[in-house]
Amino acid sequence: MAWVDHTEIQIMSGRCWTELRRPLRAVPALEQALARYDDSHARDKALYLSWLADAYLSAGEIEQAVLVVDRALDLSDGVASVRPRRRLAPLLKNLGEHRGVPAVSELLDKAAG
């Protein structure tokens, strides 16, 4: 129970709002919590960023989703877990529908390389 602090509760709340497709509630909760979440917890932060990117995608904020997925990819690079990349795969697939947006095309090339 020691790891369940205010930040973790906010992240869990944001994840729930994301799954319920309520991005206007998910985004602020996740952004506030992730601003306090240290990059040294790269695996977990990459996973939590994937929910933020999903919320942005649900809200139609494609460029913002790209920025968040890009950050999650950077954090997940070199971690000893496949879970972040697996969690990001469907987001990258959904972003593929917006390949005409230059930032999306760049991100998809980066993810493939």
PDB file of N, CA and C in Angstrom:
ATOM      1  N   MET A   1       0.807  -1.205   0.000  1.00  0.00           N
ATOM      2  CA  MET A   1       0.000   0.000   0.000  1.00  0.00           C
ATOM      3  C   MET A   1       0.848   1.266   0.000  1.00  0.00           C
ATOM      4  N   ALA A   2       2.130   1.153   0.255  1.00  0.00           N
ATOM      5  CA  ALA A   2       2.983   2.336   0.324  1.00  0.00           C
ATOM      6  C   ALA A   2       3.055   3.073  -1.005  1.00  0.00           C
ATOM      7  N   TRP A   3       2.889   2.375  -2.111  1.00  0.00           N
ATOM      8  CA  TRP A   3       2.991   3.031  -3.416  1.00  0.00           C
ATOM      9  C   TRP A   3       1.708   3.753  -3.807  1.00  0.00           C
ATOM     10  N   VAL A   4       0.632   3.551  -3.082  1.00  0.00           N
ATOM     11  CA  VAL A   4      -0.636   4.194  -3.417  1.00  0.00           C
ATOM     12  C   VAL A   4      -0.698   5.549  -2.721  1.00  0.00           C
ATOM     13  N   ASP A   5      -0.126   6.536  -3.390  1.00  0.00           N
ATOM     14  CA  ASP A   5      -0.164   7.894  -2.892  1.00  0.00           C
ATOM     15  C   ASP A   5      -1.115   8.715  -3.756  1.00  0.00           C
ATOM     16  N   HIS A   6      -1.146  10.012  -3.542  1.00  0.00           N
ATOM     17  CA  HIS A   6      -2.057  10.885  -4.286  1.00  0.00           C
ATOM     18  C   HIS A   6      -1.803  10.810  -5.795  1.00  0.00           C
ATOM     19  N   THR A   7      -0.527  10.742  -6.172  1.00  0.00           N
ATOM     20  CA  THR A   7      -0.179  10.683  -7.595  1.00  0.00           C
ATOM     21  C   THR A   7      -0.721   9.413  -8.232  1.00  0.00           C
ATOM     22  N   GLU A   8      -0.533   8.283  -7.571  1.00  0.00           N
ATOM     23  CA  GLU A   8      -1.023   7.004  -8.106  1.00  0.00           C
ATOM     24  C   GLU A   8      -2.551   6.987  -8.200  1.00  0.00           C
ATOM     25  N   ILE A   9      -3.208   7.556  -7.238  1.00  0.00           N
ATOM     26  CA  ILE A   9      -4.675   7.612  -7.271  1.00  0.00           C
ATOM     27  C   ILE A   9      -5.137   8.478  -8.439  1.00  0.00           C
ATOM     28  N   GLN A  10      -4.445   9.573  -8.672  1.00  0.00           N
ATOM     29  CA  GLN A  10      -4.780  10.438  -9.799  1.00  0.00           C
ATOM     30  C   GLN A  10      -4.546   9.712 -11.129  1.00  0.00           C
ATOM     31  N   ILE A  11      -3.465   8.960 -11.216  1.00  0.00           N
ATOM     32  CA  ILE A  11      -3.191   8.190 -12.431  1.00  0.00           C
ATOM     33  C   ILE A  11      -4.276   7.150 -12.660  1.00  0.00           C
ATOM     34  N   MET A  12      -4.648   6.445 -11.623  1.00  0.00           N
ATOM     35  CA  MET A  12      -5.698   5.430 -11.766  1.00  0.00           C
ATOM     36  C   MET A  12      -7.030   6.072 -12.164  1.00  0.00           C
ATOM     37  N   SER A  13      -7.305   7.218 -11.607  1.00  0.00           N
ATOM     38  CA  SER A  13      -8.520   7.938 -11.978  1.00  0.00           C
ATOM     39  C   SER A  13      -8.486   8.335 -13.451  1.00  0.00           C
ATOM     40  N   GLY A  14      -7.359   8.880 -13.896  1.00  0.00           N
ATOM     41  CA  GLY A  14      -7.212   9.261 -15.300  1.00  0.00           C
ATOM     42  C   GLY A  14      -7.324   8.074 -16.235  1.00  0.00           C
ATOM     43  N   ARG A  15      -6.754   6.949 -15.827  1.00  0.00           N
ATOM     44  CA  ARG A  15      -6.856   5.733 -16.645  1.00  0.00           C
ATOM     45  C   ARG A  15      -8.316   5.299 -16.774  1.00  0.00           C
ATOM     46  N   CYS A  16      -9.043   5.360 -15.673  1.00  0.00           N
ATOM     47  CA  CYS A  16     -10.465   4.990 -15.716  1.00  0.00           C
ATOM     48  C   CYS A  16     -11.241   5.919 -16.645  1.00  0.00           C
ATOM     49  N   TRP A  17     -11.009   7.227 -16.516  1.00  0.00           N
ATOM     50  CA  TRP A  17     -11.701   8.181 -17.392  1.00  0.00           C
ATOM     51  C   TRP A  17     -11.345   7.933 -18.854  1.00  0.00           C
ATOM     52  N   THR A  18     -10.100   7.549 -19.109  1.00  0.00           N
ATOM     53  CA  THR A  18      -9.691   7.241 -20.485  1.00  0.00           C
ATOM     54  C   THR A  18     -10.464   6.044 -21.007  1.00  0.00           C
ATOM     55  N   GLU A  19     -10.540   4.990 -20.219  1.00  0.00           N
ATOM     56  CA  GLU A  19     -11.251   3.781 -20.640  1.00  0.00           C
ATOM     57  C   GLU A  19     -12.744   4.048 -20.839  1.00  0.00           C
ATOM     58  N   LEU A  20     -13.273   4.994 -20.094  1.00  0.00           N
ATOM     59  CA  LEU A  20     -14.685   5.375 -20.241  1.00  0.00           C
ATOM     60  C   LEU A  20     -14.900   6.366 -21.384  1.00  0.00           C
ATOM     61  N   ARG A  21     -13.823   6.699 -22.097  1.00  0.00           N
ATOM     62  CA  ARG A  21     -13.850   7.636 -23.226  1.00  0.00           C
ATOM     63  C   ARG A  21     -14.355   9.014 -22.785  1.00  0.00           C
ATOM     64  N   ARG A  22     -13.791   9.483 -21.661  1.00  0.00           N
ATOM     65  CA  ARG A  22     -14.096  10.811 -21.123  1.00  0.00           C
ATOM     66  C   ARG A  22     -12.799  11.619 -21.056  1.00  0.00           C
ATOM     67  N   PRO A  23     -12.278  11.994 -22.239  1.00  0.00           N
ATOM     68  CA  PRO A  23     -10.959  12.640 -22.267  1.00  0.00           C
ATOM     69  C   PRO A  23     -10.893  13.971 -21.537  1.00  0.00           C
ATOM     70  N   LEU A  24     -11.985  14.710 -21.466  1.00  0.00           N
ATOM     71  CA  LEU A  24     -11.943  15.993 -20.769  1.00  0.00           C
ATOM     72  C   LEU A  24     -11.692  15.819 -19.275  1.00  0.00           C
ATOM     73  N   ARG A  25     -12.020  14.651 -18.762  1.00  0.00           N
ATOM     74  CA  ARG A  25     -11.720  14.350 -17.356  1.00  0.00           C
ATOM     75  C   ARG A  25     -10.380  13.635 -17.219  1.00  0.00           C
ATOM     76  N   ALA A  26     -10.055  12.805 -18.203  1.00  0.00           N
ATOM     77  CA  ALA A  26      -8.829  12.012 -18.136  1.00  0.00           C
ATOM     78  C   ALA A  26      -7.576  12.861 -18.270  1.00  0.00           C
ATOM     79  N   VAL A  27      -7.573  13.760 -19.243  1.00  0.00           N
ATOM     80  CA  VAL A  27      -6.359  14.519 -19.553  1.00  0.00           C
ATOM     81  C   VAL A  27      -5.847  15.322 -18.358  1.00  0.00           C
ATOM     82  N   PRO A  28      -6.661  16.131 -17.698  1.00  0.00           N
ATOM     83  CA  PRO A  28      -6.112  16.901 -16.571  1.00  0.00           C
ATOM     84  C   PRO A  28      -5.572  16.017 -15.448  1.00  0.00           C
ATOM     85  N   ALA A  29      -6.281  14.953 -15.134  1.00  0.00           N
ATOM     86  CA  ALA A  29      -5.822  14.065 -14.060  1.00  0.00           C
ATOM     87  C   ALA A  29      -4.481  13.437 -14.410  1.00  0.00           C
ATOM     88  N   LEU A  30      -4.361  12.940 -15.632  1.00  0.00           N
ATOM     89  CA  LEU A  30      -3.115  12.296 -16.037  1.00  0.00           C
ATOM     90  C   LEU A  30      -1.975  13.296 -16.182  1.00  0.00           C
ATOM     91  N   GLU A  31      -2.246  14.460 -16.760  1.00  0.00           N
ATOM     92  CA  GLU A  31      -1.180  15.450 -16.918  1.00  0.00           C
ATOM     93  C   GLU A  31      -0.641  15.918 -15.572  1.00  0.00           C
ATOM     94  N   GLN A  32      -1.537  16.172 -14.628  1.00  0.00           N
ATOM     95  CA  GLN A  32      -1.095  16.630 -13.306  1.00  0.00           C
ATOM     96  C   GLN A  32      -0.266  15.560 -12.608  1.00  0.00           C
ATOM     97  N   ALA A  33      -0.736  14.331 -12.666  1.00  0.00           N
ATOM     98  CA  ALA A  33      -0.018  13.250 -11.994  1.00  0.00           C
ATOM     99  C   ALA A  33       1.320  12.967 -12.665  1.00  0.00           C
ATOM    100  N   LEU A  34       1.327  12.921 -13.995  1.00  0.00           N
ATOM    101  CA  LEU A  34       2.561  12.594 -14.703  1.00  0.00           C
ATOM    102  C   LEU A  34       3.606  13.694 -14.592  1.00  0.00           C
ATOM    103  N   ALA A  35       3.179  14.917 -14.353  1.00  0.00           N
ATOM    104  CA  ALA A  35       4.137  16.008 -14.139  1.00  0.00           C
ATOM    105  C   ALA A  35       4.953  15.770 -12.866  1.00  0.00           C
ATOM    106  N   ARG A  36       4.388  15.032 -11.927  1.00  0.00           N
ATOM    107  CA  ARG A  36       5.070  14.715 -10.671  1.00  0.00           C
ATOM    108  C   ARG A  36       5.747  13.346 -10.704  1.00  0.00           C
ATOM    109  N   TYR A  37       5.568  12.597 -11.778  1.00  0.00           N
ATOM    110  CA  TYR A  37       6.080  11.233 -11.874  1.00  0.00           C
ATOM    111  C   TYR A  37       7.473  11.252 -12.484  1.00  0.00           C
ATOM    112  N   ASP A  38       8.437  10.764 -11.760  1.00  0.00           N
ATOM    113  CA  ASP A  38       9.827  10.845 -12.184  1.00  0.00           C
ATOM    114  C   ASP A  38      10.134   9.908 -13.355  1.00  0.00           C
ATOM    115  N   ASP A  39      10.974  10.388 -14.272  1.00  0.00           N
ATOM    116  CA  ASP A  39      11.370   9.594 -15.429  1.00  0.00           C
ATOM    117  C   ASP A  39      12.181   8.357 -15.058  1.00  0.00           C
ATOM    118  N   SER A  40      12.700   8.315 -13.845  1.00  0.00           N
ATOM    119  CA  SER A  40      13.462   7.135 -13.436  1.00  0.00           C
ATOM    120  C   SER A  40      12.579   5.893 -13.352  1.00  0.00           C
ATOM    121  N   HIS A  41      11.289   6.093 -13.311  1.00  0.00           N
ATOM    122  CA  HIS A  41      10.318   4.996 -13.353  1.00  0.00           C
ATOM    123  C   HIS A  41       9.819   4.866 -14.796  1.00  0.00           C
ATOM    124  N   ALA A  42      10.768   4.659 -15.705  1.00  0.00           N
ATOM    125  CA  ALA A  42      10.503   4.740 -17.145  1.00  0.00           C
ATOM    126  C   ALA A  42       9.402   3.789 -17.603  1.00  0.00           C
ATOM    127  N   ARG A  43       9.428   2.542 -17.152  1.00  0.00           N
ATOM    128  CA  ARG A  43       8.425   1.573 -17.593  1.00  0.00           C
ATOM    129  C   ARG A  43       7.022   2.042 -17.220  1.00  0.00           C
ATOM    130  N   ASP A  44       6.841   2.367 -15.953  1.00  0.00           N
ATOM    131  CA  ASP A  44       5.519   2.782 -15.488  1.00  0.00           C
ATOM    132  C   ASP A  44       5.085   4.097 -16.127  1.00  0.00           C
ATOM    133  N   LYS A  45       6.008   5.040 -16.230  1.00  0.00           N
ATOM    134  CA  LYS A  45       5.644   6.331 -16.820  1.00  0.00           C
ATOM    135  C   LYS A  45       5.255   6.162 -18.286  1.00  0.00           C
ATOM    136  N   ALA A  46       5.979   5.310 -19.014  1.00  0.00           N
ATOM    137  CA  ALA A  46       5.625   5.057 -20.413  1.00  0.00           C
ATOM    138  C   ALA A  46       4.226   4.451 -20.512  1.00  0.00           C
ATOM    139  N   LEU A  47       3.927   3.526 -19.626  1.00  0.00           N
ATOM    140  CA  LEU A  47       2.578   2.928 -19.626  1.00  0.00           C
ATOM    141  C   LEU A  47       1.517   3.986 -19.341  1.00  0.00           C
ATOM    142  N   TYR A  48       1.743   4.799 -18.327  1.00  0.00           N
ATOM    143  CA  TYR A  48       0.754   5.806 -17.960  1.00  0.00           C
ATOM    144  C   TYR A  48       0.605   6.869 -19.042  1.00  0.00           C
ATOM    145  N   LEU A  49       1.703   7.193 -19.703  1.00  0.00           N
ATOM    146  CA  LEU A  49       1.620   8.126 -20.825  1.00  0.00           C
ATOM    147  C   LEU A  49       0.762   7.564 -21.953  1.00  0.00           C
ATOM    148  N   SER A  50       0.732   6.244 -22.096  1.00  0.00           N
ATOM    149  CA  SER A  50      -0.087   5.649 -23.155  1.00  0.00           C
ATOM    150  C   SER A  50      -1.570   5.935 -22.924  1.00  0.00           C
ATOM    151  N   TRP A  51      -1.989   5.980 -21.668  1.00  0.00           N
ATOM    152  CA  TRP A  51      -3.391   6.325 -21.405  1.00  0.00           C
ATOM    153  C   TRP A  51      -3.644   7.796 -21.701  1.00  0.00           C
ATOM    154  N   LEU A  52      -2.679   8.642 -21.420  1.00  0.00           N
ATOM    155  CA  LEU A  52      -2.824  10.057 -21.751  1.00  0.00           C
ATOM    156  C   LEU A  52      -2.926  10.231 -23.262  1.00  0.00           C
ATOM    157  N   ALA A  53      -2.072   9.549 -24.005  1.00  0.00           N
ATOM    158  CA  ALA A  53      -2.131   9.624 -25.469  1.00  0.00           C
ATOM    159  C   ALA A  53      -3.464   9.118 -25.988  1.00  0.00           C
ATOM    160  N   ASP A  54      -3.966   8.051 -25.391  1.00  0.00           N
ATOM    161  CA  ASP A  54      -5.265   7.500 -25.786  1.00  0.00           C
ATOM    162  C   ASP A  54      -6.374   8.520 -25.547  1.00  0.00           C
ATOM    163  N   ALA A  55      -6.307   9.219 -24.418  1.00  0.00           N
ATOM    164  CA  ALA A  55      -7.315  10.248 -24.116  1.00  0.00           C
ATOM    165  C   ALA A  55      -7.237  11.381 -25.141  1.00  0.00           C
ATOM    166  N   TYR A  56      -6.027  11.811 -25.485  1.00  0.00           N
ATOM    167  CA  TYR A  56      -5.881  12.847 -26.501  1.00  0.00           C
ATOM    168  C   TYR A  56      -6.423  12.375 -27.847  1.00  0.00           C
ATOM    169  N   LEU A  57      -6.162  11.142 -28.184  1.00  0.00           N
ATOM    170  CA  LEU A  57      -6.667  10.594 -29.443  1.00  0.00           C
ATOM    171  C   LEU A  57      -8.192  10.572 -29.441  1.00  0.00           C
ATOM    172  N   SER A  58      -8.789  10.188 -28.326  1.00  0.00           N
ATOM    173  CA  SER A  58     -10.255  10.184 -28.206  1.00  0.00           C
ATOM    174  C   SER A  58     -10.841  11.581 -28.360  1.00  0.00           C
ATOM    175  N   ALA A  59     -10.069  12.572 -27.917  1.00  0.00           N
ATOM    176  CA  ALA A  59     -10.532  13.962 -28.004  1.00  0.00           C
ATOM    177  C   ALA A  59     -10.267  14.570 -29.380  1.00  0.00           C
ATOM    178  N   GLY A  60      -9.624  13.807 -30.256  1.00  0.00           N
ATOM    179  CA  GLY A  60      -9.313  14.323 -31.584  1.00  0.00           C
ATOM    180  C   GLY A  60      -8.091  15.216 -31.615  1.00  0.00           C
ATOM    181  N   GLU A  61      -7.310  15.196 -30.560  1.00  0.00           N
ATOM    182  CA  GLU A  61      -6.093  16.002 -30.471  1.00  0.00           C
ATOM    183  C   GLU A  61      -4.913  15.173 -30.962  1.00  0.00           C
ATOM    184  N   ILE A  62      -4.818  15.039 -32.272  1.00  0.00           N
ATOM    185  CA  ILE A  62      -3.860  14.136 -32.901  1.00  0.00           C
ATOM    186  C   ILE A  62      -2.418  14.556 -32.605  1.00  0.00           C
ATOM    187  N   GLU A  63      -2.102  15.828 -32.797  1.00  0.00           N
ATOM    188  CA  GLU A  63      -0.725  16.275 -32.590  1.00  0.00           C
ATOM    189  C   GLU A  63      -0.293  16.082 -31.145  1.00  0.00           C
ATOM    190  N   GLN A  64      -1.196  16.334 -30.206  1.00  0.00           N
ATOM    191  CA  GLN A  64      -0.853  16.152 -28.795  1.00  0.00           C
ATOM    192  C   GLN A  64      -0.660  14.668 -28.481  1.00  0.00           C
ATOM    193  N   ALA A  65      -1.485  13.819 -29.077  1.00  0.00           N
ATOM    194  CA  ALA A  65      -1.326  12.375 -28.900  1.00  0.00           C
ATOM    195  C   ALA A  65       0.035  11.931 -29.422  1.00  0.00           C
ATOM    196  N   VAL A  66       0.449  12.480 -30.552  1.00  0.00           N
ATOM    197  CA  VAL A  66       1.754  12.151 -31.139  1.00  0.00           C
ATOM    198  C   VAL A  66       2.882  12.515 -30.177  1.00  0.00           C
ATOM    199  N   LEU A  67       2.814  13.710 -29.603  1.00  0.00           N
ATOM    200  CA  LEU A  67       3.859  14.142 -28.665  1.00  0.00           C
ATOM    201  C   LEU A  67       3.965  13.196 -27.470  1.00  0.00           C
ATOM    202  N   VAL A  68       2.821  12.767 -26.967  1.00  0.00           N
ATOM    203  CA  VAL A  68       2.815  11.900 -25.789  1.00  0.00           C
ATOM    204  C   VAL A  68       3.302  10.499 -26.145  1.00  0.00           C
ATOM    205  N   VAL A  69       2.874   9.971 -27.286  1.00  0.00           N
ATOM    206  CA  VAL A  69       3.348   8.648 -27.712  1.00  0.00           C
ATOM    207  C   VAL A  69       4.855   8.704 -27.948  1.00  0.00           C
ATOM    208  N   ASP A  70       5.328   9.761 -28.554  1.00  0.00           N
ATOM    209  CA  ASP A  70       6.757   9.908 -28.797  1.00  0.00           C
ATOM    210  C   ASP A  70       7.527   9.874 -27.472  1.00  0.00           C
ATOM    211  N   ARG A  71       7.041  10.575 -26.493  1.00  0.00           N
ATOM    212  CA  ARG A  71       7.689  10.578 -25.164  1.00  0.00           C
ATOM    213  C   ARG A  71       7.663   9.183 -24.551  1.00  0.00           C
ATOM    214  N   ALA A  72       6.532   8.493 -24.673  1.00  0.00           N
ATOM    215  CA  ALA A  72       6.413   7.137 -24.130  1.00  0.00           C
ATOM    216  C   ALA A  72       7.374   6.182 -24.836  1.00  0.00           C
ATOM    217  N   LEU A  73       7.521   6.332 -26.146  1.00  0.00           N
ATOM    218  CA  LEU A  73       8.472   5.499 -26.887  1.00  0.00           C
ATOM    219  C   LEU A  73       9.895   5.731 -26.397  1.00  0.00           C
ATOM    220  N   ASP A  74      10.243   6.993 -26.191  1.00  0.00           N
ATOM    221  CA  ASP A  74      11.584   7.310 -25.695  1.00  0.00           C
ATOM    222  C   ASP A  74      11.824   6.678 -24.325  1.00  0.00           C
ATOM    223  N   LEU A  75      10.854   6.790 -23.445  1.00  0.00           N
ATOM    224  CA  LEU A  75      10.999   6.223 -22.105  1.00  0.00           C
ATOM    225  C   LEU A  75      11.067   4.698 -22.132  1.00  0.00           C
ATOM    226  N   SER A  76      10.312   4.089 -23.026  1.00  0.00           N
ATOM    227  CA  SER A  76      10.253   2.623 -23.050  1.00  0.00           C
ATOM    228  C   SER A  76      11.467   1.997 -23.720  1.00  0.00           C
ATOM    229  N   ASP A  77      12.233   2.802 -24.432  1.00  0.00           N
ATOM    230  CA  ASP A  77      13.422   2.288 -25.103  1.00  0.00           C
ATOM    231  C   ASP A  77      14.435   1.825 -24.065  1.00  0.00           C
ATOM    232  N   GLY A  78      14.744   0.551 -24.103  1.00  0.00           N
ATOM    233  CA  GLY A  78      15.746   0.006 -23.196  1.00  0.00           C
ATOM    234  C   GLY A  78      15.218  -0.530 -21.882  1.00  0.00           C
ATOM    235  N   VAL A  79      13.925  -0.406 -21.611  1.00  0.00           N
ATOM    236  CA  VAL A  79      13.413  -0.998 -20.377  1.00  0.00           C
ATOM    237  C   VAL A  79      13.264  -2.507 -20.572  1.00  0.00           C
ATOM    238  N   ALA A  80      13.384  -3.232 -19.486  1.00  0.00           N
ATOM    239  CA  ALA A  80      13.353  -4.698 -19.546  1.00  0.00           C
ATOM    240  C   ALA A  80      11.923  -5.221 -19.480  1.00  0.00           C
ATOM    241  N   SER A  81      11.036  -4.600 -20.236  1.00  0.00           N
ATOM    242  CA  SER A  81       9.639  -5.023 -20.272  1.00  0.00           C
ATOM    243  C   SER A  81       9.072  -4.725 -21.654  1.00  0.00           C
ATOM    244  N   VAL A  82       8.305  -5.656 -22.176  1.00  0.00           N
ATOM    245  CA  VAL A  82       7.659  -5.442 -23.474  1.00  0.00           C
ATOM    246  C   VAL A  82       6.303  -4.766 -23.315  1.00  0.00           C
ATOM    247  N   ARG A  83       5.837  -4.673 -22.092  1.00  0.00           N
ATOM    248  CA  ARG A  83       4.490  -4.146 -21.859  1.00  0.00           C
ATOM    249  C   ARG A  83       4.270  -2.729 -22.403  1.00  0.00           C
ATOM    250  N   PRO A  84       5.195  -1.783 -22.211  1.00  0.00           N
ATOM    251  CA  PRO A  84       4.933  -0.454 -22.773  1.00  0.00           C
ATOM    252  C   PRO A  84       4.766  -0.477 -24.289  1.00  0.00           C
ATOM    253  N   ARG A  85       5.634  -1.190 -24.992  1.00  0.00           N
ATOM    254  CA  ARG A  85       5.518  -1.245 -26.459  1.00  0.00           C
ATOM    255  C   ARG A  85       4.216  -1.927 -26.878  1.00  0.00           C
ATOM    256  N   ARG A  86       3.815  -2.954 -26.155  1.00  0.00           N
ATOM    257  CA  ARG A  86       2.542  -3.618 -26.470  1.00  0.00           C
ATOM    258  C   ARG A  86       1.370  -2.676 -26.247  1.00  0.00           C
ATOM    259  N   ARG A  87       1.449  -1.867 -25.220  1.00  0.00           N
ATOM    260  CA  ARG A  87       0.375  -0.919 -24.918  1.00  0.00           C
ATOM    261  C   ARG A  87       0.339   0.204 -25.965  1.00  0.00           C
ATOM    262  N   LEU A  88       1.505   0.561 -26.506  1.00  0.00           N
ATOM    263  CA  LEU A  88       1.577   1.629 -27.498  1.00  0.00           C
ATOM    264  C   LEU A  88       1.192   1.154 -28.900  1.00  0.00           C
ATOM    265  N   ALA A  89       1.295  -0.134 -29.172  1.00  0.00           N
ATOM    266  CA  ALA A  89       1.030  -0.662 -30.523  1.00  0.00           C
ATOM    267  C   ALA A  89      -0.354  -0.285 -31.053  1.00  0.00           C
ATOM    268  N   PRO A  90      -1.451  -0.475 -30.285  1.00  0.00           N
ATOM    269  CA  PRO A  90      -2.757  -0.080 -30.825  1.00  0.00           C
ATOM    270  C   PRO A  90      -2.885   1.429 -31.040  1.00  0.00           C
ATOM    271  N   LEU A  91      -2.208   2.215 -30.217  1.00  0.00           N
ATOM    272  CA  LEU A  91      -2.236   3.669 -30.408  1.00  0.00           C
ATOM    273  C   LEU A  91      -1.541   4.040 -31.708  1.00  0.00           C
ATOM    274  N   LEU A  92      -0.410   3.408 -31.971  1.00  0.00           N
ATOM    275  CA  LEU A  92       0.297   3.666 -33.224  1.00  0.00           C
ATOM    276  C   LEU A  92      -0.558   3.245 -34.417  1.00  0.00           C
ATOM    277  N   LYS A  93      -1.261   2.139 -34.278  1.00  0.00           N
ATOM    278  CA  LYS A  93      -2.148   1.684 -35.352  1.00  0.00           C
ATOM    279  C   LYS A  93      -3.268   2.705 -35.583  1.00  0.00           C
ATOM    280  N   ASN A  94      -3.872   3.185 -34.510  1.00  0.00           N
ATOM    281  CA  ASN A  94      -4.942   4.179 -34.635  1.00  0.00           C
ATOM    282  C   ASN A  94      -4.417   5.497 -35.200  1.00  0.00           C
ATOM    283  N   LEU A  95      -3.213   5.857 -34.825  1.00  0.00           N
ATOM    284  CA  LEU A  95      -2.621   7.076 -35.383  1.00  0.00           C
ATOM    285  C   LEU A  95      -2.359   6.926 -36.870  1.00  0.00           C
ATOM    286  N   GLY A  96      -2.179   5.694 -37.337  1.00  0.00           N
ATOM    287  CA  GLY A  96      -1.960   5.438 -38.757  1.00  0.00           C
ATOM    288  C   GLY A  96      -3.078   5.964 -39.635  1.00  0.00           C
ATOM    289  N   GLU A  97      -4.268   6.101 -39.070  1.00  0.00           N
ATOM    290  CA  GLU A  97      -5.400   6.661 -39.810  1.00  0.00           C
ATOM    291  C   GLU A  97      -5.176   8.146 -40.124  1.00  0.00           C
ATOM    292  N   HIS A  98      -4.191   8.744 -39.471  1.00  0.00           N
ATOM    293  CA  HIS A  98      -3.914  10.178 -39.630  1.00  0.00           C
ATOM    294  C   HIS A  98      -2.523  10.399 -40.219  1.00  0.00           C
ATOM    295  N   ARG A  99      -2.077   9.451 -41.025  1.00  0.00           N
ATOM    296  CA  ARG A  99      -0.723   9.516 -41.586  1.00  0.00           C
ATOM    297  C   ARG A  99      -0.505  10.787 -42.404  1.00  0.00           C
ATOM    298  N   GLY A 100      -1.559  11.425 -42.871  1.00  0.00           N
ATOM    299  CA  GLY A 100      -1.427  12.670 -43.622  1.00  0.00           C
ATOM    300  C   GLY A 100      -0.916  13.822 -42.778  1.00  0.00           C
ATOM    301  N   VAL A 101      -1.001  13.690 -41.469  1.00  0.00           N
ATOM    302  CA  VAL A 101      -0.456  14.707 -40.562  1.00  0.00           C
ATOM    303  C   VAL A 101       1.043  14.442 -40.452  1.00  0.00           C
ATOM    304  N   PRO A 102       1.869  15.423 -40.811  1.00  0.00           N
ATOM    305  CA  PRO A 102       3.323  15.185 -40.832  1.00  0.00           C
ATOM    306  C   PRO A 102       3.894  14.609 -39.532  1.00  0.00           C
ATOM    307  N   ALA A 103       3.427  15.095 -38.403  1.00  0.00           N
ATOM    308  CA  ALA A 103       3.944  14.588 -37.122  1.00  0.00           C
ATOM    309  C   ALA A 103       3.625  13.107 -36.941  1.00  0.00           C
ATOM    310  N   VAL A 104       2.464  12.682 -37.416  1.00  0.00           N
ATOM    311  CA  VAL A 104       2.078  11.270 -37.322  1.00  0.00           C
ATOM    312  C   VAL A 104       3.001  10.426 -38.185  1.00  0.00           C
ATOM    313  N   SER A 105       3.226  10.865 -39.399  1.00  0.00           N
ATOM    314  CA  SER A 105       4.094  10.135 -40.315  1.00  0.00           C
ATOM    315  C   SER A 105       5.501   9.981 -39.730  1.00  0.00           C
ATOM    316  N   GLU A 106       6.031  11.051 -39.151  1.00  0.00           N
ATOM    317  CA  GLU A 106       7.356  10.999 -38.529  1.00  0.00           C
ATOM    318  C   GLU A 106       7.382  10.019 -37.363  1.00  0.00           C
ATOM    319  N   LEU A 107       6.346  10.058 -36.535  1.00  0.00           N
ATOM    320  CA  LEU A 107       6.282   9.166 -35.377  1.00  0.00           C
ATOM    321  C   LEU A 107       6.203   7.699 -35.824  1.00  0.00           C
ATOM    322  N   LEU A 108       5.388   7.417 -36.813  1.00  0.00           N
ATOM    323  CA  LEU A 108       5.252   6.040 -37.277  1.00  0.00           C
ATOM    324  C   LEU A 108       6.564   5.530 -37.875  1.00  0.00           C
ATOM    325  N   ASP A 109       7.282   6.395 -38.578  1.00  0.00           N
ATOM    326  CA  ASP A 109       8.592   6.015 -39.090  1.00  0.00           C
ATOM    327  C   ASP A 109       9.564   5.729 -37.947  1.00  0.00           C
ATOM    328  N   LYS A 110       9.534   6.568 -36.935  1.00  0.00           N
ATOM    329  CA  LYS A 110      10.401   6.374 -35.771  1.00  0.00           C
ATOM    330  C   LYS A 110      10.080   5.059 -35.063  1.00  0.00           C
ATOM    331  N   ALA A 111       8.800   4.783 -34.877  1.00  0.00           N
ATOM    332  CA  ALA A 111       8.380   3.570 -34.171  1.00  0.00           C
ATOM    333  C   ALA A 111       8.755   2.313 -34.957  1.00  0.00           C
ATOM    334  N   ALA A 112       8.717   2.408 -36.289  1.00  0.00           N
ATOM    335  CA  ALA A 112       9.039   1.251 -37.119  1.00  0.00           C
ATOM    336  C   ALA A 112      10.541   1.001 -37.184  1.00  0.00           C
ATOM    337  N   GLY A 113      11.319   2.071 -37.014  1.00  0.00           N
ATOM    338  CA  GLY A 113      12.774   1.970 -37.169  1.00  0.00           C
ATOM    339  C   GLY A 113      13.434   1.502 -35.961  1.00  0.00           C
TER     340      GLY A 113
END
